[in-house]
Amino acid sequence: MSKYILICVLIMAVFTYLPRMLPLTFFRKEITSPFIRSLLYYVPYAVLSALTFPSIFYATGNIYSAIGGCLVGIYFAYYDKGLIFVASAAMFTSLMIGLIS
């Protein structure tokens, strides 16, 4: 069993290290293309959104409170409110809708 776990850890280490090492080996010069630079700038935000957004709807167990909290969070984030305010408003809205329904 321990040999199996060691092999799994080594495989995960290789596949975690490869995406970080390959760009350094292939792209030695600075990237000057505005399209590629903007693409690389927005990739972390897109990936974080894609990973986080679906779990919002399963976090509360009540789809209506999840949708309400999500809409309030999007609304305040659109108007550049702070992270603490947005998260607090979304949680409070979700709680209130959950208590009502």
Protein backbone atom coordinates (compact mmCIF):
# COMPACT_ATOMS: atom_id res chain seq x y z
CA MET A 1 0.00 0.00 0.00
CA SER A 2 2.77 2.49 0.83
CA LYS A 3 4.48 1.81 -2.52
CA TYR A 4 1.21 2.66 -4.30
CA ILE A 5 0.89 5.93 -2.36
CA LEU A 6 4.50 6.86 -3.15
CA ILE A 7 3.92 6.29 -6.88
CA CYS A 8 0.74 8.39 -6.76
CA VAL A 9 2.53 11.25 -5.01
CA LEU A 10 5.38 11.15 -7.54
CA ILE A 11 2.96 11.21 -10.48
CA MET A 12 1.06 14.13 -8.96
CA ALA A 13 4.33 15.97 -8.34
CA VAL A 14 5.39 15.55 -11.97
CA PHE A 15 2.06 16.74 -13.32
CA THR A 16 2.03 19.69 -10.93
CA TYR A 17 5.59 20.68 -11.79
CA LEU A 18 5.29 20.34 -15.59
CA PRO A 19 2.89 23.26 -16.19
CA ARG A 20 5.18 25.50 -14.16
CA MET A 21 8.44 24.38 -15.74
CA LEU A 22 7.45 24.15 -19.43
CA PRO A 23 6.71 27.87 -19.97
CA LEU A 24 10.07 28.77 -18.47
CA THR A 25 11.88 26.45 -20.86
CA PHE A 26 10.03 27.44 -24.03
CA PHE A 27 9.50 31.19 -23.54
CA ARG A 28 12.87 32.71 -22.77
CA LYS A 29 12.13 36.17 -24.19
CA GLU A 30 9.55 38.60 -22.88
CA ILE A 31 6.10 38.18 -24.40
CA THR A 32 5.32 41.30 -26.44
CA SER A 33 2.03 40.33 -28.06
CA PRO A 34 -0.78 42.38 -26.45
CA PHE A 35 -3.26 39.57 -27.07
CA ILE A 36 -1.15 36.92 -25.33
CA ARG A 37 -0.30 39.27 -22.47
CA SER A 38 -3.96 40.10 -21.86
CA LEU A 39 -4.90 36.43 -22.18
CA LEU A 40 -2.33 35.44 -19.57
CA TYR A 41 -3.44 38.30 -17.33
CA TYR A 42 -7.08 37.17 -17.24
CA VAL A 43 -6.59 33.38 -17.09
CA PRO A 44 -6.31 33.20 -13.26
CA TYR A 45 -9.53 35.19 -12.82
CA ALA A 46 -11.38 33.03 -15.33
CA VAL A 47 -10.20 29.79 -13.75
CA LEU A 48 -11.06 30.97 -10.24
CA SER A 49 -14.53 32.01 -11.41
CA ALA A 50 -15.09 28.72 -13.20
CA LEU A 51 -14.14 26.77 -10.09
CA THR A 52 -16.03 28.92 -7.58
CA PHE A 53 -19.25 29.88 -9.34
CA PRO A 54 -20.93 26.43 -9.57
CA SER A 55 -20.28 25.68 -5.91
CA ILE A 56 -22.17 28.82 -4.88
CA PHE A 57 -25.45 27.15 -5.80
CA TYR A 58 -24.77 24.04 -3.71
CA ALA A 59 -23.36 25.74 -0.62
CA THR A 60 -26.63 26.47 1.20
CA GLY A 61 -28.90 23.57 0.37
CA ASN A 62 -31.57 26.07 -0.67
CA ILE A 63 -31.35 27.18 -4.28
CA TYR A 64 -33.34 30.38 -3.69
CA SER A 65 -31.04 31.66 -0.95
CA ALA A 66 -28.01 30.75 -3.06
CA ILE A 67 -29.35 32.64 -6.08
CA GLY A 68 -30.26 35.65 -3.92
CA GLY A 69 -26.83 35.80 -2.31
CA CYS A 70 -25.15 35.38 -5.69
CA LEU A 71 -27.16 38.19 -7.27
CA VAL A 72 -26.47 40.55 -4.38
CA GLY A 73 -22.76 39.68 -4.52
CA ILE A 74 -22.63 40.33 -8.26
CA TYR A 75 -24.52 43.62 -7.87
CA PHE A 76 -22.19 45.05 -5.22
CA ALA A 77 -19.06 43.72 -6.91
CA TYR A 78 -20.13 45.43 -10.13
CA TYR A 79 -20.27 48.74 -8.30
CA ASP A 80 -16.72 48.24 -6.91
CA LYS A 81 -17.57 47.68 -3.26
CA GLY A 82 -14.91 46.06 -1.10
CA LEU A 83 -14.47 42.31 -0.77
CA ILE A 84 -15.58 42.21 2.87
CA PHE A 85 -18.70 44.24 2.11
CA VAL A 86 -19.63 42.12 -0.91
CA ALA A 87 -19.13 38.84 0.94
CA SER A 88 -21.01 40.08 4.02
CA ALA A 89 -23.94 41.38 1.98
CA ALA A 90 -24.16 38.13 0.00
CA MET A 91 -24.06 36.02 3.18
CA PHE A 92 -26.61 38.19 4.95
CA THR A 93 -28.96 38.05 1.96
CA SER A 94 -28.57 34.29 1.71
CA LEU A 95 -29.27 33.94 5.42
CA MET A 96 -32.38 36.13 5.27
CA ILE A 97 -33.81 34.33 2.24
CA GLY A 98 -33.03 31.00 3.89
CA LEU A 99 -34.91 32.03 7.04
CA ILE A 100 -37.91 33.28 5.03
CA SER A 101 -38.24 30.24 2.77
